[in-house]
Amino acid sequence: GKHDGHQWASDAKKAADTIEKAAGDSKWDEVKASAGNLGKACQTCHTTYREKAEDGSYRMKAGN
């Protein structure tokens, strides 16, 4: 039910697919750029929906 989360996951999948293809073609600048996009997609979702517990693990934020 989290439409923004679905979009971020879709963006992350596209970036991962691009990384895989670019790596196979030895296009390292494209790999680097897509890796940055992948990290941004992951970080956005994790910042929005997860919180770090005292023991260092992560859990879903209350109310999400």
C-alpha atoms as a PDB file:
ATOM      1  CA  GLY A   1       0.000   0.000   0.000  1.00  0.00           C
ATOM      2  CA  LYS A   2       3.014   2.334  -0.164  1.00  0.00           C
ATOM      3  CA  HIS A   3       2.929   3.749  -3.671  1.00  0.00           C
ATOM      4  CA  ASP A   4       6.097   5.777  -3.195  1.00  0.00           C
ATOM      5  CA  GLY A   5       7.884   2.638  -1.964  1.00  0.00           C
ATOM      6  CA  HIS A   6       6.771   0.770  -5.070  1.00  0.00           C
ATOM      7  CA  GLN A   7       8.174   3.539  -7.264  1.00  0.00           C
ATOM      8  CA  TRP A   8      11.488   3.556  -5.397  1.00  0.00           C
ATOM      9  CA  ALA A   9      11.727  -0.224  -5.762  1.00  0.00           C
ATOM     10  CA  SER A  10      11.024   0.078  -9.469  1.00  0.00           C
ATOM     11  CA  ASP A  11      13.721   2.751  -9.803  1.00  0.00           C
ATOM     12  CA  ALA A  12      16.155   0.531  -7.886  1.00  0.00           C
ATOM     13  CA  LYS A  13      15.391  -2.427 -10.179  1.00  0.00           C
ATOM     14  CA  LYS A  14      16.037  -0.307 -13.271  1.00  0.00           C
ATOM     15  CA  ALA A  15      19.359   0.882 -11.843  1.00  0.00           C
ATOM     16  CA  ALA A  16      20.387  -2.683 -10.946  1.00  0.00           C
ATOM     17  CA  ASP A  17      19.498  -3.879 -14.442  1.00  0.00           C
ATOM     18  CA  THR A  18      21.541  -1.055 -15.947  1.00  0.00           C
ATOM     19  CA  ILE A  19      24.503  -1.947 -13.715  1.00  0.00           C
ATOM     20  CA  GLU A  20      24.344  -5.571 -14.789  1.00  0.00           C
ATOM     21  CA  LYS A  21      24.250  -4.738 -18.504  1.00  0.00           C
ATOM     22  CA  ALA A  22      26.885  -2.006 -18.308  1.00  0.00           C
ATOM     23  CA  ALA A  23      29.244  -4.227 -16.318  1.00  0.00           C
ATOM     24  CA  GLY A  24      28.858  -6.948 -18.920  1.00  0.00           C
ATOM     25  CA  ASP A  25      29.799  -4.402 -21.587  1.00  0.00           C
ATOM     26  CA  SER A  26      32.700  -2.991 -19.481  1.00  0.00           C
ATOM     27  CA  LYS A  27      31.056   0.455 -19.378  1.00  0.00           C
ATOM     28  CA  TRP A  28      32.421   1.382 -15.959  1.00  0.00           C
ATOM     29  CA  ASP A  29      31.354   5.039 -15.960  1.00  0.00           C
ATOM     30  CA  GLU A  30      27.776   3.900 -16.562  1.00  0.00           C
ATOM     31  CA  VAL A  31      28.105   1.322 -13.770  1.00  0.00           C
ATOM     32  CA  LYS A  32      29.321   4.023 -11.393  1.00  0.00           C
ATOM     33  CA  ALA A  33      26.494   6.425 -12.276  1.00  0.00           C
ATOM     34  CA  SER A  34      23.839   3.721 -11.949  1.00  0.00           C
ATOM     35  CA  ALA A  35      25.292   2.542  -8.644  1.00  0.00           C
ATOM     36  CA  GLY A  36      24.774   6.052  -7.302  1.00  0.00           C
ATOM     37  CA  ASN A  37      21.160   5.999  -8.496  1.00  0.00           C
ATOM     38  CA  LEU A  38      20.631   2.599  -6.888  1.00  0.00           C
ATOM     39  CA  GLY A  39      21.999   3.846  -3.573  1.00  0.00           C
ATOM     40  CA  LYS A  40      19.772   6.917  -3.674  1.00  0.00           C
ATOM     41  CA  ALA A  41      16.652   4.822  -4.295  1.00  0.00           C
ATOM     42  CA  CYS A  42      17.499   2.501  -1.408  1.00  0.00           C
ATOM     43  CA  GLN A  43      18.394   5.324   0.969  1.00  0.00           C
ATOM     44  CA  THR A  44      15.215   7.266   0.240  1.00  0.00           C
ATOM     45  CA  CYS A  45      12.983   4.324   1.097  1.00  0.00           C
ATOM     46  CA  HIS A  46      14.992   3.213   4.109  1.00  0.00           C
ATOM     47  CA  THR A  47      15.026   6.747   5.526  1.00  0.00           C
ATOM     48  CA  THR A  48      11.275   7.049   5.073  1.00  0.00           C
ATOM     49  CA  TYR A  49      10.152   3.653   6.337  1.00  0.00           C
ATOM     50  CA  ARG A  50      12.844   2.209   8.611  1.00  0.00           C
ATOM     51  CA  GLU A  51      14.538   3.191  11.827  1.00  0.00           C
ATOM     52  CA  LYS A  52      17.629   1.872  13.549  1.00  0.00           C
ATOM     53  CA  ALA A  53      17.031  -0.004  16.791  1.00  0.00           C
ATOM     54  CA  GLU A  54      19.314   0.272  19.814  1.00  0.00           C
ATOM     55  CA  ASP A  55      20.914  -3.081  18.977  1.00  0.00           C
ATOM     56  CA  GLY A  56      21.943  -1.844  15.507  1.00  0.00           C
ATOM     57  CA  SER A  57      19.250  -3.721  13.595  1.00  0.00           C
ATOM     58  CA  TYR A  58      16.510  -2.003  11.621  1.00  0.00           C
ATOM     59  CA  ARG A  59      12.720  -2.124  11.880  1.00  0.00           C
ATOM     60  CA  MET A  60       9.784  -0.475  10.194  1.00  0.00           C
ATOM     61  CA  LYS A  61       8.910   2.896  11.668  1.00  0.00           C
ATOM     62  CA  ALA A  62       5.765   2.976  13.781  1.00  0.00           C
ATOM     63  CA  GLY A  63       2.720   3.946  11.769  1.00  0.00           C
ATOM     64  CA  ASN A  64       4.172   2.729   8.489  1.00  0.00           C
END
